[in-house]
Amino acid sequence: MAWLILVLSGMLEAVWASALSASDGFKRVRPSVLFVVAMLVSMAGLAYAMTTLPTGTAYAVWVGIGASLTVVWAMITGKEPASIARICLLVLLVGSVVGLKVVS
């Protein structure tokens, strides 16, 4: 159960990171509210997962999922360029996250 919550929390990290960008320095209300809610739920999930999973592994997986999904979303929406090098590095990052799960 901790792994499922950790993965969902990592996905919410991507939500709050994207919402933070869309908030325009907290000038836009909806993205700002989404940022706060997603961040609180994401952090709560991470905290829960860390009660049973090793801290370093849990944090690395959480950040890896959040960072990967944030970059993928930015590439899909055209806010960041997509390139073969970026995609290969994302595959390497995801592979590393999976590797941490496998050895835990």
PDB file of N, CA and C in Angstrom:
ATOM      1  N   MET A   1       0.818  -1.200   0.000  1.00  0.00           N
ATOM      2  CA  MET A   1       0.000   0.000   0.000  1.00  0.00           C
ATOM      3  C   MET A   1       0.866   1.270   0.000  1.00  0.00           C
ATOM      4  N   ALA A   2       1.986   1.224   0.726  1.00  0.00           N
ATOM      5  CA  ALA A   2       2.865   2.391   0.787  1.00  0.00           C
ATOM      6  C   ALA A   2       3.408   2.755  -0.594  1.00  0.00           C
ATOM      7  N   TRP A   3       3.725   1.739  -1.404  1.00  0.00           N
ATOM      8  CA  TRP A   3       4.236   2.010  -2.752  1.00  0.00           C
ATOM      9  C   TRP A   3       3.178   2.680  -3.620  1.00  0.00           C
ATOM     10  N   LEU A   4       1.946   2.228  -3.532  1.00  0.00           N
ATOM     11  CA  LEU A   4       0.859   2.833  -4.311  1.00  0.00           C
ATOM     12  C   LEU A   4       0.671   4.295  -3.909  1.00  0.00           C
ATOM     13  N   ILE A   5       0.649   4.548  -2.625  1.00  0.00           N
ATOM     14  CA  ILE A   5       0.495   5.924  -2.145  1.00  0.00           C
ATOM     15  C   ILE A   5       1.680   6.775  -2.572  1.00  0.00           C
ATOM     16  N   LEU A   6       2.868   6.205  -2.542  1.00  0.00           N
ATOM     17  CA  LEU A   6       4.057   6.935  -2.972  1.00  0.00           C
ATOM     18  C   LEU A   6       3.976   7.302  -4.455  1.00  0.00           C
ATOM     19  N   VAL A   7       3.549   6.387  -5.279  1.00  0.00           N
ATOM     20  CA  VAL A   7       3.419   6.661  -6.720  1.00  0.00           C
ATOM     21  C   VAL A   7       2.373   7.749  -6.963  1.00  0.00           C
ATOM     22  N   LEU A   8       1.235   7.641  -6.305  1.00  0.00           N
ATOM     23  CA  LEU A   8       0.191   8.664  -6.454  1.00  0.00           C
ATOM     24  C   LEU A   8       0.681  10.020  -5.954  1.00  0.00           C
ATOM     25  N   SER A   9       1.435  10.022  -4.872  1.00  0.00           N
ATOM     26  CA  SER A   9       1.990  11.266  -4.344  1.00  0.00           C
ATOM     27  C   SER A   9       3.003  11.874  -5.312  1.00  0.00           C
ATOM     28  N   GLY A  10       3.784  11.023  -5.959  1.00  0.00           N
ATOM     29  CA  GLY A  10       4.721  11.504  -6.967  1.00  0.00           C
ATOM     30  C   GLY A  10       3.999  12.119  -8.155  1.00  0.00           C
ATOM     31  N   MET A  11       2.875  11.520  -8.520  1.00  0.00           N
ATOM     32  CA  MET A  11       2.075  12.082  -9.609  1.00  0.00           C
ATOM     33  C   MET A  11       1.521  13.452  -9.201  1.00  0.00           C
ATOM     34  N   LEU A  12       1.116  13.569  -7.952  1.00  0.00           N
ATOM     35  CA  LEU A  12       0.621  14.864  -7.470  1.00  0.00           C
ATOM     36  C   LEU A  12       1.736  15.904  -7.400  1.00  0.00           C
ATOM     37  N   GLU A  13       2.973  15.451  -7.239  1.00  0.00           N
ATOM     38  CA  GLU A  13       4.083  16.404  -7.273  1.00  0.00           C
ATOM     39  C   GLU A  13       4.140  17.081  -8.639  1.00  0.00           C
ATOM     40  N   ALA A  14       3.917  16.311  -9.688  1.00  0.00           N
ATOM     41  CA  ALA A  14       3.897  16.892 -11.039  1.00  0.00           C
ATOM     42  C   ALA A  14       2.744  17.874 -11.184  1.00  0.00           C
ATOM     43  N   VAL A  15       1.613  17.556 -10.570  1.00  0.00           N
ATOM     44  CA  VAL A  15       0.455  18.458 -10.620  1.00  0.00           C
ATOM     45  C   VAL A  15       0.791  19.775  -9.942  1.00  0.00           C
ATOM     46  N   TRP A  16       1.341  19.691  -8.718  1.00  0.00           N
ATOM     47  CA  TRP A  16       1.601  20.961  -8.031  1.00  0.00           C
ATOM     48  C   TRP A  16       2.727  21.754  -8.682  1.00  0.00           C
ATOM     49  N   ALA A  17       3.704  21.085  -9.258  1.00  0.00           N
ATOM     50  CA  ALA A  17       4.777  21.815  -9.943  1.00  0.00           C
ATOM     51  C   ALA A  17       4.234  22.547 -11.170  1.00  0.00           C
ATOM     52  N   SER A  18       3.376  21.873 -11.916  1.00  0.00           N
ATOM     53  CA  SER A  18       2.773  22.504 -13.095  1.00  0.00           C
ATOM     54  C   SER A  18       1.820  23.626 -12.694  1.00  0.00           C
ATOM     55  N   ALA A  19       1.071  23.408 -11.621  1.00  0.00           N
ATOM     56  CA  ALA A  19       0.149  24.447 -11.131  1.00  0.00           C
ATOM     57  C   ALA A  19       0.928  25.663 -10.636  1.00  0.00           C
ATOM     58  N   LEU A  20       2.062  25.422 -10.001  1.00  0.00           N
ATOM     59  CA  LEU A  20       2.889  26.537  -9.525  1.00  0.00           C
ATOM     60  C   LEU A  20       3.343  27.393 -10.701  1.00  0.00           C
ATOM     61  N   SER A  21       3.753  26.749 -11.767  1.00  0.00           N
ATOM     62  CA  SER A  21       4.158  27.482 -12.960  1.00  0.00           C
ATOM     63  C   SER A  21       2.984  28.269 -13.546  1.00  0.00           C
ATOM     64  N   ALA A  22       1.823  27.616 -13.588  1.00  0.00           N
ATOM     65  CA  ALA A  22       0.636  28.260 -14.169  1.00  0.00           C
ATOM     66  C   ALA A  22       0.071  29.369 -13.283  1.00  0.00           C
ATOM     67  N   SER A  23       0.451  29.390 -12.013  1.00  0.00           N
ATOM     68  CA  SER A  23      -0.103  30.396 -11.101  1.00  0.00           C
ATOM     69  C   SER A  23       0.437  31.801 -11.364  1.00  0.00           C
ATOM     70  N   ASP A  24       1.497  31.897 -12.166  1.00  0.00           N
ATOM     71  CA  ASP A  24       2.102  33.184 -12.501  1.00  0.00           C
ATOM     72  C   ASP A  24       2.479  33.951 -11.232  1.00  0.00           C
ATOM     73  N   GLY A  25       3.258  33.277 -10.376  1.00  0.00           N
ATOM     74  CA  GLY A  25       3.691  33.927  -9.140  1.00  0.00           C
ATOM     75  C   GLY A  25       2.553  34.128  -8.153  1.00  0.00           C
ATOM     76  N   PHE A  26       1.623  33.203  -8.143  1.00  0.00           N
ATOM     77  CA  PHE A  26       0.426  33.232  -7.283  1.00  0.00           C
ATOM     78  C   PHE A  26      -0.526  34.380  -7.622  1.00  0.00           C
ATOM     79  N   LYS A  27      -0.459  34.875  -8.850  1.00  0.00           N
ATOM     80  CA  LYS A  27      -1.380  35.932  -9.284  1.00  0.00           C
ATOM     81  C   LYS A  27      -2.696  35.366  -9.793  1.00  0.00           C
ATOM     82  N   ARG A  28      -2.685  34.089 -10.212  1.00  0.00           N
ATOM     83  CA  ARG A  28      -3.896  33.430 -10.718  1.00  0.00           C
ATOM     84  C   ARG A  28      -4.421  32.508  -9.624  1.00  0.00           C
ATOM     85  N   VAL A  29      -5.709  32.661  -9.301  1.00  0.00           N
ATOM     86  CA  VAL A  29      -6.284  31.987  -8.138  1.00  0.00           C
ATOM     87  C   VAL A  29      -6.401  30.477  -8.337  1.00  0.00           C
ATOM     88  N   ARG A  30      -7.002  30.017  -9.414  1.00  0.00           N
ATOM     89  CA  ARG A  30      -7.232  28.576  -9.592  1.00  0.00           C
ATOM     90  C   ARG A  30      -5.949  27.748  -9.559  1.00  0.00           C
ATOM     91  N   PRO A  31      -4.943  28.109 -10.349  1.00  0.00           N
ATOM     92  CA  PRO A  31      -3.708  27.333 -10.265  1.00  0.00           C
ATOM     93  C   PRO A  31      -3.050  27.428  -8.884  1.00  0.00           C
ATOM     94  N   SER A  32      -3.209  28.567  -8.215  1.00  0.00           N
ATOM     95  CA  SER A  32      -2.628  28.720  -6.876  1.00  0.00           C
ATOM     96  C   SER A  32      -3.303  27.790  -5.877  1.00  0.00           C
ATOM     97  N   VAL A  33      -4.623  27.698  -5.952  1.00  0.00           N
ATOM     98  CA  VAL A  33      -5.364  26.792  -5.063  1.00  0.00           C
ATOM     99  C   VAL A  33      -5.008  25.345  -5.386  1.00  0.00           C
ATOM    100  N   LEU A  34      -4.944  25.003  -6.664  1.00  0.00           N
ATOM    101  CA  LEU A  34      -4.562  23.642  -7.062  1.00  0.00           C
ATOM    102  C   LEU A  34      -3.162  23.316  -6.548  1.00  0.00           C
ATOM    103  N   PHE A  35      -2.252  24.269  -6.637  1.00  0.00           N
ATOM    104  CA  PHE A  35      -0.900  24.077  -6.125  1.00  0.00           C
ATOM    105  C   PHE A  35      -0.916  23.709  -4.640  1.00  0.00           C
ATOM    106  N   VAL A  36      -1.628  24.495  -3.841  1.00  0.00           N
ATOM    107  CA  VAL A  36      -1.645  24.271  -2.389  1.00  0.00           C
ATOM    108  C   VAL A  36      -2.262  22.916  -2.051  1.00  0.00           C
ATOM    109  N   VAL A  37      -3.394  22.604  -2.657  1.00  0.00           N
ATOM    110  CA  VAL A  37      -4.074  21.336  -2.358  1.00  0.00           C
ATOM    111  C   VAL A  37      -3.227  20.142  -2.797  1.00  0.00           C
ATOM    112  N   ALA A  38      -2.721  20.183  -4.026  1.00  0.00           N
ATOM    113  CA  ALA A  38      -1.918  19.069  -4.534  1.00  0.00           C
ATOM    114  C   ALA A  38      -0.637  18.901  -3.724  1.00  0.00           C
ATOM    115  N   MET A  39      -0.024  20.012  -3.315  1.00  0.00           N
ATOM    116  CA  MET A  39       1.202  19.922  -2.540  1.00  0.00           C
ATOM    117  C   MET A  39       0.940  19.308  -1.166  1.00  0.00           C
ATOM    118  N   LEU A  40      -0.128  19.728  -0.515  1.00  0.00           N
ATOM    119  CA  LEU A  40      -0.442  19.173   0.804  1.00  0.00           C
ATOM    120  C   LEU A  40      -0.723  17.673   0.739  1.00  0.00           C
ATOM    121  N   VAL A  41      -1.519  17.263  -0.238  1.00  0.00           N
ATOM    122  CA  VAL A  41      -1.841  15.842  -0.374  1.00  0.00           C
ATOM    123  C   VAL A  41      -0.601  15.047  -0.769  1.00  0.00           C
ATOM    124  N   SER A  42       0.210  15.604  -1.664  1.00  0.00           N
ATOM    125  CA  SER A  42       1.429  14.939  -2.094  1.00  0.00           C
ATOM    126  C   SER A  42       2.403  14.748  -0.926  1.00  0.00           C
ATOM    127  N   MET A  43       2.591  15.788  -0.139  1.00  0.00           N
ATOM    128  CA  MET A  43       3.492  15.695   1.019  1.00  0.00           C
ATOM    129  C   MET A  43       2.957  14.719   2.068  1.00  0.00           C
ATOM    130  N   ALA A  44       1.649  14.727   2.274  1.00  0.00           N
ATOM    131  CA  ALA A  44       1.053  13.796   3.236  1.00  0.00           C
ATOM    132  C   ALA A  44       1.260  12.351   2.784  1.00  0.00           C
ATOM    133  N   GLY A  45       1.102  12.108   1.490  1.00  0.00           N
ATOM    134  CA  GLY A  45       1.336  10.766   0.955  1.00  0.00           C
ATOM    135  C   GLY A  45       2.780  10.344   1.096  1.00  0.00           C
ATOM    136  N   LEU A  46       3.700  11.263   0.821  1.00  0.00           N
ATOM    137  CA  LEU A  46       5.119  10.971   0.986  1.00  0.00           C
ATOM    138  C   LEU A  46       5.431  10.656   2.447  1.00  0.00           C
ATOM    139  N   ALA A  47       4.882  11.453   3.350  1.00  0.00           N
ATOM    140  CA  ALA A  47       5.119  11.221   4.780  1.00  0.00           C
ATOM    141  C   ALA A  47       4.595   9.852   5.202  1.00  0.00           C
ATOM    142  N   TYR A  48       3.418   9.490   4.711  1.00  0.00           N
ATOM    143  CA  TYR A  48       2.860   8.181   5.045  1.00  0.00           C
ATOM    144  C   TYR A  48       3.745   7.059   4.501  1.00  0.00           C
ATOM    145  N   ALA A  49       4.163   7.180   3.258  1.00  0.00           N
ATOM    146  CA  ALA A  49       4.991   6.147   2.643  1.00  0.00           C
ATOM    147  C   ALA A  49       6.311   5.985   3.395  1.00  0.00           C
ATOM    148  N   MET A  50       6.842   7.076   3.905  1.00  0.00           N
ATOM    149  CA  MET A  50       8.123   7.030   4.613  1.00  0.00           C
ATOM    150  C   MET A  50       8.022   6.339   5.973  1.00  0.00           C
ATOM    151  N   THR A  51       6.804   6.059   6.432  1.00  0.00           N
ATOM    152  CA  THR A  51       6.686   5.343   7.702  1.00  0.00           C
ATOM    153  C   THR A  51       7.061   3.876   7.543  1.00  0.00           C
ATOM    154  N   THR A  52       6.974   3.351   6.309  1.00  0.00           N
ATOM    155  CA  THR A  52       7.315   1.938   6.098  1.00  0.00           C
ATOM    156  C   THR A  52       8.429   1.722   5.073  1.00  0.00           C
ATOM    157  N   LEU A  53       8.667   2.686   4.209  1.00  0.00           N
ATOM    158  CA  LEU A  53       9.713   2.557   3.186  1.00  0.00           C
ATOM    159  C   LEU A  53      10.957   3.317   3.626  1.00  0.00           C
ATOM    160  N   PRO A  54      12.126   2.880   3.150  1.00  0.00           N
ATOM    161  CA  PRO A  54      13.347   3.622   3.473  1.00  0.00           C
ATOM    162  C   PRO A  54      13.250   5.065   2.962  1.00  0.00           C
ATOM    163  N   THR A  55      13.670   5.998   3.785  1.00  0.00           N
ATOM    164  CA  THR A  55      13.516   7.416   3.470  1.00  0.00           C
ATOM    165  C   THR A  55      14.175   7.796   2.145  1.00  0.00           C
ATOM    166  N   GLY A  56      15.414   7.404   1.945  1.00  0.00           N
ATOM    167  CA  GLY A  56      16.121   7.769   0.717  1.00  0.00           C
ATOM    168  C   GLY A  56      15.455   7.220  -0.527  1.00  0.00           C
ATOM    169  N   THR A  57      15.026   5.977  -0.452  1.00  0.00           N
ATOM    170  CA  THR A  57      14.351   5.348  -1.590  1.00  0.00           C
ATOM    171  C   THR A  57      13.016   6.023  -1.853  1.00  0.00           C
ATOM    172  N   ALA A  58      12.236   6.236  -0.807  1.00  0.00           N
ATOM    173  CA  ALA A  58      10.915   6.858  -0.967  1.00  0.00           C
ATOM    174  C   ALA A  58      11.046   8.247  -1.577  1.00  0.00           C
ATOM    175  N   TYR A  59      11.983   9.030  -1.066  1.00  0.00           N
ATOM    176  CA  TYR A  59      12.152  10.384  -1.567  1.00  0.00           C
ATOM    177  C   TYR A  59      12.625  10.387  -3.015  1.00  0.00           C
ATOM    178  N   ALA A  60      13.579   9.520  -3.335  1.00  0.00           N
ATOM    179  CA  ALA A  60      14.092   9.455  -4.707  1.00  0.00           C
ATOM    180  C   ALA A  60      12.996   9.038  -5.681  1.00  0.00           C
ATOM    181  N   VAL A  61      12.178   8.079  -5.307  1.00  0.00           N
ATOM    182  CA  VAL A  61      11.079   7.636  -6.174  1.00  0.00           C
ATOM    183  C   VAL A  61      10.065   8.761  -6.343  1.00  0.00           C
ATOM    184  N   TRP A  62       9.713   9.426  -5.261  1.00  0.00           N
ATOM    185  CA  TRP A  62       8.746  10.525  -5.295  1.00  0.00           C
ATOM    186  C   TRP A  62       9.225  11.646  -6.221  1.00  0.00           C
ATOM    187  N   VAL A  63      10.471  12.048  -6.039  1.00  0.00           N
ATOM    188  CA  VAL A  63      11.041  13.116  -6.877  1.00  0.00           C
ATOM    189  C   VAL A  63      11.158  12.656  -8.327  1.00  0.00           C
ATOM    190  N   GLY A  64      11.594  11.425  -8.534  1.00  0.00           N
ATOM    191  CA  GLY A  64      11.751  10.912  -9.896  1.00  0.00           C
ATOM    192  C   GLY A  64      10.451  10.890 -10.665  1.00  0.00           C
ATOM    193  N   ILE A  65       9.398  10.415 -10.011  1.00  0.00           N
ATOM    194  CA  ILE A  65       8.082  10.388 -10.664  1.00  0.00           C
ATOM    195  C   ILE A  65       7.613  11.803 -10.945  1.00  0.00           C
ATOM    196  N   GLY A  66       7.712  12.662  -9.952  1.00  0.00           N
ATOM    197  CA  GLY A  66       7.253  14.040 -10.127  1.00  0.00           C
ATOM    198  C   GLY A  66       8.024  14.780 -11.202  1.00  0.00           C
ATOM    199  N   ALA A  67       9.335  14.653 -11.179  1.00  0.00           N
ATOM    200  CA  ALA A  67      10.165  15.349 -12.170  1.00  0.00           C
ATOM    201  C   ALA A  67       9.902  14.826 -13.577  1.00  0.00           C
ATOM    202  N   SER A  68       9.822  13.516 -13.712  1.00  0.00           N
ATOM    203  CA  SER A  68       9.585  12.919 -15.038  1.00  0.00           C
ATOM    204  C   SER A  68       8.251  13.364 -15.615  1.00  0.00           C
ATOM    205  N   LEU A  69       7.208  13.264 -14.806  1.00  0.00           N
ATOM    206  CA  LEU A  69       5.887  13.650 -15.310  1.00  0.00           C
ATOM    207  C   LEU A  69       5.785  15.141 -15.588  1.00  0.00           C
ATOM    208  N   THR A  70       6.474  15.950 -14.783  1.00  0.00           N
ATOM    209  CA  THR A  70       6.462  17.394 -15.023  1.00  0.00           C
ATOM    210  C   THR A  70       7.114  17.723 -16.361  1.00  0.00           C
ATOM    211  N   VAL A  71       8.241  17.092 -16.651  1.00  0.00           N
ATOM    212  CA  VAL A  71       8.932  17.339 -17.925  1.00  0.00           C
ATOM    213  C   VAL A  71       8.102  16.812 -19.094  1.00  0.00           C
ATOM    214  N   VAL A  72       7.534  15.626 -18.947  1.00  0.00           N
ATOM    215  CA  VAL A  72       6.698  15.065 -20.020  1.00  0.00           C
ATOM    216  C   VAL A  72       5.519  15.989 -20.302  1.00  0.00           C
ATOM    217  N   TRP A  73       4.864  16.469 -19.246  1.00  0.00           N
ATOM    218  CA  TRP A  73       3.713  17.376 -19.428  1.00  0.00           C
ATOM    219  C   TRP A  73       4.158  18.663 -20.123  1.00  0.00           C
ATOM    220  N   ALA A  74       5.299  19.203 -19.729  1.00  0.00           N
ATOM    221  CA  ALA A  74       5.800  20.429 -20.355  1.00  0.00           C
ATOM    222  C   ALA A  74       6.117  20.202 -21.836  1.00  0.00           C
ATOM    223  N   MET A  75       6.630  19.016 -22.164  1.00  0.00           N
ATOM    224  CA  MET A  75       6.905  18.719 -23.577  1.00  0.00           C
ATOM    225  C   MET A  75       5.604  18.546 -24.357  1.00  0.00           C
ATOM    226  N   ILE A  76       4.619  17.885 -23.757  1.00  0.00           N
ATOM    227  CA  ILE A  76       3.334  17.669 -24.427  1.00  0.00           C
ATOM    228  C   ILE A  76       2.639  19.001 -24.695  1.00  0.00           C
ATOM    229  N   THR A  77       2.686  19.899 -23.725  1.00  0.00           N
ATOM    230  CA  THR A  77       2.005  21.184 -23.884  1.00  0.00           C
ATOM    231  C   THR A  77       2.825  22.208 -24.658  1.00  0.00           C
ATOM    232  N   GLY A  78       4.048  21.842 -25.043  1.00  0.00           N
ATOM    233  CA  GLY A  78       4.874  22.727 -25.848  1.00  0.00           C
ATOM    234  C   GLY A  78       5.626  23.783 -25.055  1.00  0.00           C
ATOM    235  N   LYS A  79       5.630  23.690 -23.735  1.00  0.00           N
ATOM    236  CA  LYS A  79       6.345  24.671 -22.919  1.00  0.00           C
ATOM    237  C   LYS A  79       7.835  24.381 -22.828  1.00  0.00           C
ATOM    238  N   GLU A  80       8.210  23.139 -23.124  1.00  0.00           N
ATOM    239  CA  GLU A  80       9.621  22.755 -23.178  1.00  0.00           C
ATOM    240  C   GLU A  80       9.832  21.933 -24.437  1.00  0.00           C
ATOM    241  N   PRO A  81      11.000  22.059 -25.049  1.00  0.00           N
ATOM    242  CA  PRO A  81      11.249  21.299 -26.280  1.00  0.00           C
ATOM    243  C   PRO A  81      11.471  19.810 -25.989  1.00  0.00           C
ATOM    244  N   ALA A  82      11.009  18.996 -26.899  1.00  0.00           N
ATOM    245  CA  ALA A  82      11.267  17.551 -26.823  1.00  0.00           C
ATOM    246  C   ALA A  82      12.444  17.240 -27.741  1.00  0.00           C
ATOM    247  N   SER A  83      13.334  16.393 -27.260  1.00  0.00           N
ATOM    248  CA  SER A  83      14.459  15.970 -28.086  1.00  0.00           C
ATOM    249  C   SER A  83      14.787  14.524 -27.733  1.00  0.00           C
ATOM    250  N   ILE A  84      15.525  13.900 -28.608  1.00  0.00           N
ATOM    251  CA  ILE A  84      15.936  12.515 -28.358  1.00  0.00           C
ATOM    252  C   ILE A  84      16.751  12.433 -27.064  1.00  0.00           C
ATOM    253  N   ALA A  85      17.656  13.373 -26.855  1.00  0.00           N
ATOM    254  CA  ALA A  85      18.482  13.367 -25.643  1.00  0.00           C
ATOM    255  C   ALA A  85      17.628  13.479 -24.389  1.00  0.00           C
ATOM    256  N   ARG A  86      16.652  14.389 -24.385  1.00  0.00           N
ATOM    257  CA  ARG A  86      15.772  14.562 -23.220  1.00  0.00           C
ATOM    258  C   ARG A  86      14.965  13.293 -22.954  1.00  0.00           C
ATOM    259  N   ILE A  87      14.443  12.721 -24.003  1.00  0.00           N
ATOM    260  CA  ILE A  87      13.632  11.502 -23.847  1.00  0.00           C
ATOM    261  C   ILE A  87      14.497  10.358 -23.322  1.00  0.00           C
ATOM    262  N   CYS A  88      15.705  10.216 -23.837  1.00  0.00           N
ATOM    263  CA  CYS A  88      16.611   9.163 -23.341  1.00  0.00           C
ATOM    264  C   CYS A  88      16.945   9.376 -21.871  1.00  0.00           C
ATOM    265  N   LEU A  89      17.175  10.612 -21.481  1.00  0.00           N
ATOM    266  CA  LEU A  89      17.474  10.899 -20.078  1.00  0.00           C
ATOM    267  C   LEU A  89      16.267  10.618 -19.180  1.00  0.00           C
ATOM    268  N   LEU A  90      15.072  10.905 -19.666  1.00  0.00           N
ATOM    269  CA  LEU A  90      13.866  10.578 -18.895  1.00  0.00           C
ATOM    270  C   LEU A  90      13.707   9.065 -18.749  1.00  0.00           C
ATOM    271  N   VAL A  91      13.992   8.330 -19.804  1.00  0.00           N
ATOM    272  CA  VAL A  91      13.931   6.865 -19.729  1.00  0.00           C
ATOM    273  C   VAL A  91      14.942   6.357 -18.704  1.00  0.00           C
ATOM    274  N   LEU A  92      16.130   6.945 -18.689  1.00  0.00           N
ATOM    275  CA  LEU A  92      17.141   6.579 -17.702  1.00  0.00           C
ATOM    276  C   LEU A  92      16.660   6.895 -16.282  1.00  0.00           C
ATOM    277  N   LEU A  93      16.049   8.035 -16.105  1.00  0.00           N
ATOM    278  CA  LEU A  93      15.524   8.415 -14.788  1.00  0.00           C
ATOM    279  C   LEU A  93      14.437   7.452 -14.325  1.00  0.00           C
ATOM    280  N   VAL A  94      13.494   7.147 -15.207  1.00  0.00           N
ATOM    281  CA  VAL A  94      12.418   6.213 -14.859  1.00  0.00           C
ATOM    282  C   VAL A  94      12.988   4.828 -14.573  1.00  0.00           C
ATOM    283  N   GLY A  95      13.958   4.407 -15.360  1.00  0.00           N
ATOM    284  CA  GLY A  95      14.604   3.119 -15.108  1.00  0.00           C
ATOM    285  C   GLY A  95      15.285   3.082 -13.753  1.00  0.00           C
ATOM    286  N   SER A  96      15.882   4.176 -13.357  1.00  0.00           N
ATOM    287  CA  SER A  96      16.523   4.252 -12.046  1.00  0.00           C
ATOM    288  C   SER A  96      15.500   4.167 -10.924  1.00  0.00           C
ATOM    289  N   VAL A  97      14.371   4.826 -11.103  1.00  0.00           N
ATOM    290  CA  VAL A  97      13.299   4.769 -10.103  1.00  0.00           C
ATOM    291  C   VAL A  97      12.771   3.336  -9.981  1.00  0.00           C
ATOM    292  N   VAL A  98      12.550   2.693 -11.110  1.00  0.00           N
ATOM    293  CA  VAL A  98      12.099   1.303 -11.089  1.00  0.00           C
ATOM    294  C   VAL A  98      13.146   0.421 -10.414  1.00  0.00           C
ATOM    295  N   GLY A  99      14.397   0.665 -10.711  1.00  0.00           N
ATOM    296  CA  GLY A  99      15.484  -0.087 -10.083  1.00  0.00           C
ATOM    297  C   GLY A  99      15.491   0.058  -8.569  1.00  0.00           C
ATOM    298  N   LEU A 100      15.237   1.252  -8.066  1.00  0.00           N
ATOM    299  CA  LEU A 100      15.157   1.452  -6.622  1.00  0.00           C
ATOM    300  C   LEU A 100      14.029   0.655  -6.005  1.00  0.00           C
ATOM    301  N   LYS A 101      12.897   0.582  -6.715  1.00  0.00           N
ATOM    302  CA  LYS A 101      11.771  -0.217  -6.222  1.00  0.00           C
ATOM    303  C   LYS A 101      12.146  -1.687  -6.195  1.00  0.00           C
ATOM    304  N   VAL A 102      12.823  -2.152  -7.220  1.00  0.00           N
ATOM    305  CA  VAL A 102      13.165  -3.572  -7.333  1.00  0.00           C
ATOM    306  C   VAL A 102      14.125  -4.003  -6.219  1.00  0.00           C
ATOM    307  N   VAL A 103      15.093  -3.162  -5.885  1.00  0.00           N
ATOM    308  CA  VAL A 103      16.073  -3.554  -4.884  1.00  0.00           C
ATOM    309  C   VAL A 103      15.643  -3.260  -3.445  1.00  0.00           C
ATOM    310  N   SER A 104      14.501  -2.596  -3.275  1.00  0.00           N
ATOM    311  CA  SER A 104      14.028  -2.302  -1.905  1.00  0.00           C
ATOM    312  C   SER A 104      13.365  -3.486  -1.269  1.00  0.00           C
TER     313      SER A 104
END
